[in-house]
Amino acid sequence: MKKLQPEYTCAIDLVIDIIGGKWKVLLLWNLNEGTKRFNELQRSVPGITRKMLAQQLRELEEHGLVERTVYDEVPPRVEYTTTDLGRGLQPALYAMCRWGDEYAEGHGIQMNRCWSQTDFIKEQN
């Protein structure tokens, strides 16, 4: 896990250290839809390897944004969900998604899934 500094110049630096990178924002966004199992998350984020997914989920968990629940079953079942702290990022993630949709539309970029128009997002507004 990336060690956080004891002091930051501004809050944006801290946020980038916590959720920066290629995968964490996508994982948090996909968990906005609700609790998911490991393989569900891997399918929802094309291109992420199992190793990278495990590492990113572990870091999000260590920072308190994602909760991992292990069920005592055979075969073992593990589920991931956002914590209250992680859900606090949803308005910012939605704003980023909406901005991306508008940018894509204005620049002729095809979107495979318009996340800012999903039922989940409509319920939040």
Protein backbone atom coordinates (compact mmCIF):
# COMPACT_ATOMS: atom_id res chain seq x y z
CA MET A 1 0.00 0.00 0.00
CA LYS A 2 1.16 3.49 -0.76
CA LYS A 3 2.13 5.16 2.49
CA LEU A 4 0.33 8.40 3.11
CA GLN A 5 2.44 11.40 4.05
CA PRO A 6 2.06 12.90 7.53
CA GLU A 7 1.40 16.31 5.92
CA TYR A 8 0.01 17.51 2.58
CA THR A 9 0.06 20.87 0.82
CA CYS A 10 -3.61 20.51 -0.11
CA ALA A 11 -6.44 18.01 0.11
CA ILE A 12 -6.29 17.20 -3.61
CA ASP A 13 -2.79 15.76 -3.10
CA LEU A 14 -4.18 13.49 -0.39
CA VAL A 15 -7.14 12.40 -2.53
CA ILE A 16 -4.81 11.56 -5.42
CA ASP A 17 -2.66 9.45 -3.10
CA ILE A 18 -5.74 7.56 -1.87
CA ILE A 19 -7.75 7.02 -5.07
CA GLY A 20 -5.29 7.94 -7.83
CA GLY A 21 -4.21 5.56 -10.52
CA LYS A 22 -5.91 3.74 -13.33
CA TRP A 23 -8.19 1.40 -11.39
CA LYS A 24 -9.37 2.70 -8.01
CA VAL A 25 -11.89 5.22 -9.29
CA LEU A 26 -13.35 2.60 -11.64
CA LEU A 27 -13.62 0.10 -8.80
CA LEU A 28 -15.33 2.61 -6.54
CA TRP A 29 -17.67 3.60 -9.35
CA ASN A 30 -18.63 -0.03 -9.99
CA LEU A 31 -19.21 -0.59 -6.28
CA ASN A 32 -21.67 2.34 -6.38
CA GLU A 33 -24.09 -0.14 -7.92
CA GLY A 34 -23.93 -2.27 -4.78
CA THR A 35 -22.05 -5.16 -3.24
CA LYS A 36 -20.06 -7.26 -5.68
CA ARG A 37 -17.95 -10.37 -5.61
CA PHE A 38 -14.36 -10.42 -6.85
CA ASN A 39 -15.16 -11.96 -10.25
CA GLU A 40 -18.05 -9.52 -10.79
CA LEU A 41 -15.67 -6.63 -10.22
CA GLN A 42 -13.10 -8.11 -12.56
CA ARG A 43 -15.71 -8.45 -15.31
CA SER A 44 -16.93 -4.89 -14.74
CA VAL A 45 -13.43 -3.41 -15.16
CA PRO A 46 -12.04 -4.74 -18.45
CA GLY A 47 -8.27 -5.04 -18.60
CA ILE A 48 -7.58 -5.34 -14.88
CA THR A 49 -5.65 -8.46 -13.87
CA ARG A 50 -6.59 -10.58 -10.86
CA LYS A 51 -3.36 -9.55 -9.14
CA MET A 52 -3.97 -5.83 -9.73
CA LEU A 53 -7.61 -6.11 -8.68
CA ALA A 54 -6.63 -7.80 -5.42
CA GLN A 55 -3.96 -5.16 -4.75
CA GLN A 56 -6.25 -2.22 -5.48
CA LEU A 57 -9.10 -3.64 -3.38
CA ARG A 58 -6.67 -4.26 -0.52
CA GLU A 59 -5.47 -0.63 -0.67
CA LEU A 60 -9.03 0.72 -0.81
CA GLU A 61 -9.87 -1.47 2.18
CA GLU A 62 -6.82 -0.30 4.14
CA HIS A 63 -7.85 3.32 3.53
CA GLY A 64 -11.36 2.57 4.78
CA LEU A 65 -13.21 3.09 1.47
CA VAL A 66 -14.13 -0.54 0.79
CA GLU A 67 -15.27 -3.29 3.14
CA ARG A 68 -14.41 -6.94 2.47
CA THR A 69 -16.75 -9.57 3.89
CA VAL A 70 -15.68 -13.22 3.96
CA TYR A 71 -18.42 -15.82 4.44
CA ASP A 72 -17.58 -19.13 6.10
CA GLU A 73 -18.82 -21.31 3.25
CA VAL A 74 -17.44 -23.95 0.92
CA PRO A 75 -16.37 -22.69 -1.53
CA PRO A 76 -15.49 -19.44 0.26
CA ARG A 77 -17.50 -16.39 -0.72
CA VAL A 78 -16.01 -12.89 -0.49
CA GLU A 79 -17.96 -9.71 -1.18
CA TYR A 80 -16.88 -6.09 -1.47
CA THR A 81 -18.92 -2.99 -0.75
CA THR A 82 -18.19 0.67 -0.21
CA THR A 83 -18.11 1.98 3.34
CA ASP A 84 -19.82 5.19 4.42
CA LEU A 85 -16.50 6.93 3.80
CA GLY A 86 -16.31 5.45 0.31
CA ARG A 87 -19.92 6.39 -0.44
CA GLY A 88 -18.99 9.97 0.42
CA LEU A 89 -17.04 10.04 -2.85
CA GLN A 90 -20.12 9.22 -4.95
CA PRO A 91 -21.09 12.85 -5.71
CA ALA A 92 -17.55 13.59 -6.91
CA LEU A 93 -17.45 10.40 -8.99
CA TYR A 94 -20.84 11.21 -10.49
CA ALA A 95 -19.65 14.71 -11.41
CA MET A 96 -16.59 13.19 -13.11
CA CYS A 97 -18.79 10.73 -14.97
CA ARG A 98 -21.22 13.40 -16.11
CA TRP A 99 -18.32 15.60 -17.25
CA GLY A 100 -16.85 12.66 -19.18
CA ASP A 101 -20.18 11.93 -20.87
CA GLU A 102 -20.53 15.59 -21.90
CA TYR A 103 -16.96 15.72 -23.15
CA ALA A 104 -17.41 12.53 -25.16
CA GLU A 105 -20.63 13.80 -26.70
CA GLY A 106 -19.03 17.12 -27.65
CA HIS A 107 -16.02 15.42 -29.22
CA GLY A 108 -17.72 12.58 -31.08
CA ILE A 109 -16.42 9.88 -28.74
CA GLN A 110 -18.63 6.78 -28.52
CA MET A 111 -19.47 5.61 -25.01
CA ASN A 112 -20.31 1.93 -24.48
CA ARG A 113 -22.17 2.66 -21.28
CA CYS A 114 -23.48 6.05 -20.25
CA TRP A 115 -23.10 5.65 -16.49
CA SER A 116 -24.39 9.10 -15.61
CA GLN A 117 -27.80 8.06 -16.94
CA THR A 118 -28.21 4.82 -14.97
CA ASP A 119 -31.11 4.33 -12.56
CA PHE A 120 -28.68 4.26 -9.63
CA ILE A 121 -27.44 7.75 -10.44
CA LYS A 122 -30.94 9.12 -11.01
CA GLU A 123 -31.91 7.91 -7.53
CA GLN A 124 -29.02 9.86 -5.97
CA ASN A 125 -30.15 13.21 -7.40
